[in-house]
């Protein structure tokens, strides 16, 4: 059965065409053949205000089981990408990161890899191991993430209770070009 994939990315990477290469790589074969459905909402993002965008993200995530974070130069710092990632953690989506700066942009150039957004997000596991409080790095310190409340998680073992877990310790990150994303994306989202 095909997975429903939510794509999180910085809009600049759509303008530069890199995000489109990943999002549309198997369109000719159709979504069933590609092994996923594209549930991205980027087309509507600029038309909506913050509250409407949050509702739209939540609504689009409801129909997904996987979140693919397309990592460009400044993706790590985008507030709505952080929201999409942490909301995906709350939903228990499978989450992967894909570096896309090795994809040639519309200018036919590549860029150095951007920072991993998972390095800038973590959760604090509650003392009873049943709740997570999301945190983000604001450039100088870790602060509670203000756009999302604490949420329920599967009960964690005693050694993780009361600890911070970096998201970069939890999720795989690939490079679209060097890891042959065109042929491996379906396997990554399984």
Foldseek 3Di string as FASTA:
>chain_A
DAFEEEEAEDVVCVVQPLVVCLLCVCPVVPRVVQRYHYLYDVVCVVVDDDVVNLVSLVVSCVRGQEYEYEFEACRLPDPVSVVSVVVCVQVNHAYAYEYRQCPQTPVRHGDPTHDDSLQFKKWFQAQQQFKTFIWGHPPPDIDGDDPDGIHTDPRDDNVRHRHIDRSVVPYYYYYCPVVVCSVCVSVRND
